[in-house]
Structures are given as C-alpha cells and as structure tokens.
Amino acid sequence: MDKKRGHYLGTEINKKWYKRYTGSGLFARGRGQYWYDDNSFYFLRQLTESPIVIPLESIKQFETGKWHCGRWCFGYDILKIIWAKDGLILSSGFFIAKDRAENSKIISELKKV
C-alpha cells in the first residue's frame, strides 16, 4: 500500500482518555504517514526514524469516534485500533480521513488482511 498522510493522537490504556500508554515510542503525538501490509499497521511520525508498529495479529477490533486521548479533530471520525500488548488492552487513535467512507474502506481492508 502507498503511504498516506495522517495524524497520530495517542494510545490509551483500557479506553481511558486520561491513561496514556508511554512505552515503545507511543507517547508522542504528531503528523506523519501511515501504511499497512499483511503483517502490521505502521505510522511514521514526522521527524522520527522508526514507525509505530501495530501487528495485525494483536488487533482485537476497530472503532471510530470523535475524541481520543483528550483530542478531537473538528468533528471528523477518528480511527481507533484496539489491540493487546504486554498484557494491556490499548486503543491507538489515528485521524486518517475526513470522509467516513474512506475510514470504513480502510477498516474493511485491514480486517481482510
């Protein structure tokens, strides 16, 4: 898949906006590029060298919402990837498309992989 622009909003622990996960480079928010393949979802923030990597096998579900980690995107949908790591349930939020249909398409493609 080609890399597309997006924004990483942070990662919550147990879907609590006030409990942010800080390990594995997941603390800093920011703009960047995302892509995915048969193994993982990747997000490379600007001015960083290594991407955030969410293995597809660890993903439990996908959600959308208007808020994530205390942030919102002017009413646009935020993609929330619910996944497991180190015995925790994490929710990573990404603003990847202004169009709901585009978010749904990406979720469908990730579920197929």
Protein backbone atom coordinates (compact mmCIF):
# COMPACT_ATOMS: atom_id res chain seq x y z
CA MET A 1 0.00 0.00 0.00
CA ASP A 2 1.11 3.53 -0.68
CA LYS A 3 1.87 5.76 2.27
CA LYS A 4 -0.85 8.27 3.09
CA ARG A 5 -0.89 11.29 5.38
CA GLY A 6 -2.47 11.13 8.80
CA HIS A 7 -2.22 12.20 12.42
CA TYR A 8 -1.46 10.03 15.46
CA LEU A 9 -3.49 11.14 18.51
CA GLY A 10 -2.04 8.83 21.15
CA THR A 11 -2.64 5.47 22.78
CA GLU A 12 -4.98 4.92 25.72
CA ILE A 13 -4.89 2.10 28.26
CA ASN A 14 -8.25 0.32 28.70
CA LYS A 15 -10.04 3.06 26.71
CA LYS A 16 -9.44 5.64 29.46
CA TRP A 17 -8.54 9.00 27.86
CA TYR A 18 -6.58 10.03 30.96
CA LYS A 19 -4.43 6.85 30.98
CA ARG A 20 -1.89 7.20 28.19
CA TYR A 21 0.48 4.41 27.21
CA THR A 22 4.04 5.71 27.06
CA GLY A 23 6.07 2.66 26.04
CA SER A 24 7.54 1.74 22.65
CA GLY A 25 7.53 5.29 21.29
CA LEU A 26 3.74 5.58 21.55
CA PHE A 27 3.62 8.65 23.78
CA ALA A 28 4.38 11.49 21.34
CA ARG A 29 1.53 12.58 19.09
CA GLY A 30 2.01 14.01 15.66
CA ARG A 31 1.51 14.16 11.94
CA GLY A 32 3.01 11.61 9.65
CA GLN A 33 2.30 8.84 7.18
CA TYR A 34 0.55 5.51 7.59
CA TRP A 35 0.53 2.30 5.61
CA TYR A 36 -0.20 -1.37 6.20
CA ASP A 37 0.72 -4.73 4.80
CA ASP A 38 -0.10 -8.38 5.51
CA ASN A 39 1.60 -8.21 8.91
CA SER A 40 1.16 -4.81 10.53
CA PHE A 41 -0.27 -1.29 10.54
CA TYR A 42 2.50 1.34 10.52
CA PHE A 43 2.55 5.03 11.34
CA LEU A 44 5.72 7.08 10.89
CA ARG A 45 5.57 10.47 12.62
CA GLN A 46 7.42 13.38 11.10
CA LEU A 47 10.95 13.87 12.44
CA THR A 48 11.16 10.29 13.72
CA GLU A 49 13.16 7.40 12.33
CA SER A 50 11.13 4.36 13.28
CA PRO A 51 7.39 3.89 12.83
CA ILE A 52 4.74 2.87 15.32
CA VAL A 53 4.03 -0.78 14.51
CA ILE A 54 0.77 -2.50 15.42
CA PRO A 55 0.86 -6.19 14.45
CA LEU A 56 -2.41 -7.21 12.80
CA GLU A 57 -2.50 -10.41 14.87
CA SER A 58 -2.72 -8.34 18.08
CA ILE A 59 -5.68 -6.23 16.87
CA LYS A 60 -8.91 -7.06 18.68
CA GLN A 61 -11.28 -4.62 16.96
CA PHE A 62 -11.69 -1.29 15.21
CA GLU A 63 -13.81 1.63 16.34
CA THR A 64 -14.44 5.18 15.24
CA GLY A 65 -15.23 8.18 17.38
CA LYS A 66 -14.97 11.93 17.67
CA TRP A 67 -12.50 12.06 20.62
CA HIS A 68 -9.34 10.16 21.53
CA CYS A 69 -6.76 10.75 24.29
CA GLY A 70 -8.44 14.06 25.09
CA ARG A 71 -8.14 15.26 21.48
CA TRP A 72 -10.71 15.82 18.77
CA CYS A 73 -10.49 16.52 15.03
CA PHE A 74 -13.15 19.15 14.35
CA GLY A 75 -15.93 16.57 14.27
CA TYR A 76 -14.26 14.19 11.82
CA ASP A 77 -14.09 10.48 12.63
CA ILE A 78 -11.02 9.11 14.36
CA LEU A 79 -9.96 5.52 13.67
CA LYS A 80 -9.32 3.67 16.93
CA ILE A 81 -7.35 0.45 16.76
CA ILE A 82 -7.98 -1.71 19.84
CA TRP A 83 -5.09 -4.11 20.38
CA ALA A 84 -3.22 -6.10 23.01
CA LYS A 85 0.37 -5.56 24.10
CA ASP A 86 2.26 -6.61 27.21
CA GLY A 87 -0.94 -7.84 28.87
CA LEU A 88 -2.71 -4.50 28.35
CA ILE A 89 -5.63 -3.55 26.12
CA LEU A 90 -4.56 -0.47 24.17
CA SER A 91 -6.52 1.89 21.95
CA SER A 92 -4.45 3.85 19.42
CA GLY A 93 -6.17 6.74 17.68
CA PHE A 94 -5.45 7.99 14.17
CA PHE A 95 -7.02 10.72 12.07
CA ILE A 96 -6.57 9.32 8.60
CA ALA A 97 -9.51 10.54 6.52
CA LYS A 98 -12.12 13.29 6.60
CA ASP A 99 -14.57 11.05 4.76
CA ARG A 100 -16.42 8.36 6.75
CA ALA A 101 -16.49 6.10 3.71
CA GLU A 102 -12.69 6.23 3.48
CA ASN A 103 -12.36 5.23 7.15
CA SER A 104 -14.78 2.34 6.56
CA LYS A 105 -12.82 1.24 3.49
CA ILE A 106 -9.54 1.19 5.42
CA ILE A 107 -11.13 -0.77 8.29
CA SER A 108 -12.52 -3.30 5.79
CA GLU A 109 -9.12 -3.70 4.14
CA LEU A 110 -7.39 -4.21 7.48
CA LYS A 111 -9.94 -6.84 8.50
CA LYS A 112 -9.31 -8.77 5.26
CA VAL A 113 -5.55 -8.93 5.74
